[in-house]
Protein backbone atom coordinates (compact mmCIF):
# COMPACT_ATOMS: atom_id res chain seq x y z
CA UNK A 1 80.27 -99.05 -29.11
CA UNK A 2 79.48 -95.37 -28.58
CA UNK A 3 82.12 -92.67 -28.70
CA UNK A 4 85.00 -93.27 -26.32
CA UNK A 5 86.05 -90.19 -24.34
CA UNK A 6 86.87 -91.37 -20.79
CA UNK A 7 89.33 -94.22 -20.28
CA UNK A 8 90.44 -95.88 -17.04
CA UNK A 9 93.71 -97.82 -16.95
CA UNK A 10 93.96 -100.45 -14.20
CA UNK A 11 96.67 -102.54 -12.54
CA UNK A 12 97.04 -104.04 -9.08
CA UNK A 13 98.55 -101.19 -7.07
CA UNK A 14 98.36 -98.17 -9.39
CA UNK A 15 102.06 -97.44 -8.94
CA UNK A 16 103.92 -99.12 -11.84
CA UNK A 17 101.97 -100.17 -14.95
CA UNK A 18 98.74 -98.17 -14.93
CA UNK A 19 100.33 -94.80 -14.04
CA UNK A 20 102.86 -95.26 -16.85
CA UNK A 21 99.99 -96.25 -19.15
CA UNK A 22 97.94 -93.20 -18.09
CA UNK A 23 100.70 -90.71 -18.88
CA UNK A 24 101.71 -92.50 -22.08
CA UNK A 25 98.05 -92.37 -23.16
CA UNK A 26 97.89 -88.63 -22.46
CA UNK A 27 101.11 -88.21 -24.46
CA UNK A 28 99.80 -90.14 -27.49
CA UNK A 29 96.37 -88.50 -27.35
CA UNK A 30 98.10 -85.13 -27.58
CA UNK A 31 100.44 -86.39 -30.32
CA UNK A 32 97.46 -87.56 -32.41
CA UNK A 33 95.43 -84.47 -31.53
CA UNK A 34 92.45 -86.24 -29.98
CA UNK A 35 90.44 -85.15 -26.97
CA UNK A 36 90.40 -88.08 -24.55
CA UNK A 37 90.43 -88.19 -20.74
CA UNK A 38 92.54 -90.71 -18.86
CA UNK A 39 92.71 -91.88 -15.27
CA UNK A 40 94.42 -94.83 -13.66
CA UNK A 41 93.54 -96.87 -10.59
CA UNK A 42 94.38 -100.04 -8.72
CA UNK A 43 92.78 -102.59 -6.43
CA UNK A 44 95.05 -101.74 -3.50
CA UNK A 45 96.86 -98.65 -2.31
CA UNK A 46 100.41 -99.96 -2.53
CA UNK A 47 102.32 -96.67 -2.38
CA UNK A 48 101.57 -92.95 -2.51
CA UNK A 49 103.78 -92.46 -5.56
CA UNK A 50 104.64 -93.85 -8.97
CA UNK A 51 107.47 -96.37 -9.00
CA UNK A 52 110.85 -94.76 -9.81
CA UNK A 53 111.41 -97.02 -12.84
CA UNK A 54 108.08 -95.90 -14.33
CA UNK A 55 108.98 -92.27 -13.62
CA UNK A 56 112.35 -92.73 -15.31
CA UNK A 57 110.74 -94.26 -18.39
CA UNK A 58 108.33 -91.34 -18.72
CA UNK A 59 111.15 -88.86 -18.09
CA UNK A 60 113.17 -90.46 -20.91
CA UNK A 61 110.31 -89.60 -23.29
CA UNK A 62 109.93 -86.08 -21.90
CA UNK A 63 106.52 -86.86 -20.38
CA UNK A 64 105.58 -84.83 -17.30
CA UNK A 65 103.89 -86.80 -14.51
CA UNK A 66 104.37 -84.78 -11.31
CA UNK A 67 100.61 -84.46 -10.79
CA UNK A 68 100.15 -88.25 -10.42
CA UNK A 69 98.16 -89.42 -7.39
CA UNK A 70 97.24 -93.12 -7.02
CA UNK A 71 93.61 -94.06 -6.55
CA UNK A 72 91.63 -97.19 -5.76
CA UNK A 73 88.91 -98.60 -7.99
CA UNK A 74 85.34 -98.06 -6.84
CA UNK A 75 81.90 -98.33 -8.44
CA UNK A 76 81.59 -94.59 -9.12
CA UNK A 77 84.96 -94.50 -10.91
CA UNK A 78 84.06 -97.52 -13.06
CA UNK A 79 80.58 -96.28 -13.97
CA UNK A 80 81.77 -92.96 -15.41
CA UNK A 81 84.18 -94.60 -17.89
CA UNK A 82 83.57 -95.30 -21.57
CA UNK A 83 86.44 -97.80 -21.61
CA UNK A 84 88.21 -99.74 -18.84
CA UNK A 85 91.59 -101.20 -19.75
CA UNK A 86 93.43 -103.60 -17.43
CA UNK A 87 96.94 -105.01 -17.48
CA UNK A 88 95.91 -108.60 -16.70
CA UNK A 89 92.96 -110.90 -17.40
CA UNK A 90 92.62 -111.50 -13.64
CA UNK A 91 91.87 -107.76 -13.25
CA UNK A 92 88.98 -108.08 -15.73
CA UNK A 93 87.63 -111.04 -13.76
CA UNK A 94 88.00 -109.25 -10.40
CA UNK A 95 86.17 -106.16 -11.70
CA UNK A 96 83.34 -108.26 -13.17
CA UNK A 97 82.93 -110.24 -9.92
CA UNK A 98 83.23 -107.34 -7.47
CA UNK A 99 81.25 -104.70 -9.35
CA UNK A 100 78.28 -106.56 -10.78
CA UNK A 101 75.62 -104.29 -12.18
CA UNK A 102 77.98 -101.72 -13.68
CA UNK A 103 76.59 -101.03 -17.15
CA UNK A 104 78.15 -102.31 -20.34
CA UNK A 105 81.12 -104.28 -18.98
CA UNK A 106 80.84 -106.55 -22.02
CA UNK A 107 81.41 -103.52 -24.27
CA UNK A 108 83.93 -101.55 -22.23
CA UNK A 109 86.14 -103.86 -20.11
CA UNK A 110 89.26 -105.40 -21.72
CA UNK A 111 92.91 -106.10 -21.11
CA UNK A 112 95.12 -103.69 -23.04
CA UNK A 113 96.33 -106.40 -25.40
CA UNK A 114 92.81 -107.80 -25.85
CA UNK A 115 91.45 -104.37 -26.80
CA UNK A 116 94.19 -104.15 -29.43
CA UNK A 117 93.04 -107.41 -31.00
CA UNK A 118 95.36 -109.96 -29.46
CA UNK A 119 93.84 -113.29 -28.46
CA UNK A 120 96.71 -114.97 -26.61
CA UNK A 121 99.17 -113.91 -23.92
CA UNK A 122 96.86 -111.11 -22.75
CA UNK A 123 98.67 -110.31 -19.49
CA UNK A 124 101.28 -107.61 -19.03
CA UNK A 125 103.04 -108.85 -15.92
CA UNK A 126 103.71 -106.72 -12.86
CA UNK A 127 107.31 -105.48 -13.08
CA UNK A 128 107.53 -104.54 -9.40
CA UNK A 129 109.84 -107.41 -8.36
CA UNK A 130 111.51 -107.71 -11.76
CA UNK A 131 115.03 -106.76 -12.77
CA UNK A 132 115.59 -103.31 -14.24
CA UNK A 133 116.00 -104.85 -17.68
CA UNK A 134 112.69 -106.75 -17.43
CA UNK A 135 110.96 -103.68 -16.01
CA UNK A 136 112.08 -101.64 -19.04
CA UNK A 137 110.87 -104.37 -21.43
CA UNK A 138 107.45 -104.37 -19.74
CA UNK A 139 107.19 -100.57 -19.98
CA UNK A 140 108.09 -100.78 -23.68
CA UNK A 141 105.26 -103.33 -24.18
CA UNK A 142 102.87 -100.97 -22.39
CA UNK A 143 104.11 -98.03 -24.47
CA UNK A 144 103.60 -99.85 -27.79
CA UNK A 145 100.17 -101.12 -26.78
CA UNK A 146 99.02 -97.73 -25.50
CA UNK A 147 99.90 -96.12 -28.83
CA UNK A 148 97.96 -98.88 -30.64
CA UNK A 149 95.03 -98.32 -28.27
CA UNK A 150 94.95 -94.57 -28.99
CA UNK A 151 94.98 -95.20 -32.74
CA UNK A 152 92.14 -97.74 -32.39
CA UNK A 153 90.07 -95.34 -30.26
CA UNK A 154 90.54 -92.61 -32.89
CA UNK A 155 89.36 -95.01 -35.64
CA UNK A 156 86.44 -96.22 -33.51
CA UNK A 157 85.35 -92.68 -32.68
CA UNK A 158 85.44 -91.67 -36.35
CA UNK A 159 83.02 -94.46 -37.23
CA UNK A 160 80.68 -93.35 -34.43
CA UNK A 161 80.23 -89.81 -35.82
């Protein structure tokens, strides 16, 4: 794998999981002093804003997110990425099926948990219809996995020097 600089985080509607993941990734990249670029996107345009529960979680960590704007996946967005991270295995499958011919999917398209080395239970479920308690648990899982992802990218990039 070549150096990873541009990372896309993907969920269904780009309003709950992937926006939280994007801003958490920016937070951890800054914390670990590494120069990475993050975007998030979804398959559908569900809302024009980040879900309030995701905003509250980021606020609780002091992470600013007022510049968030949802976007929809397209070929151009996928092609410019060094790494594409999804929240569910079905997202990986949908991207592979709908965007055939995009270079290096085998080397750059993973679920978040899969990228971090997990082999089972690879999905991070959509919290949209979940209780507040479940929503918070899901965001905590995303948070922990995003920090692991940043650390892995740093290690990977060091070996690619």
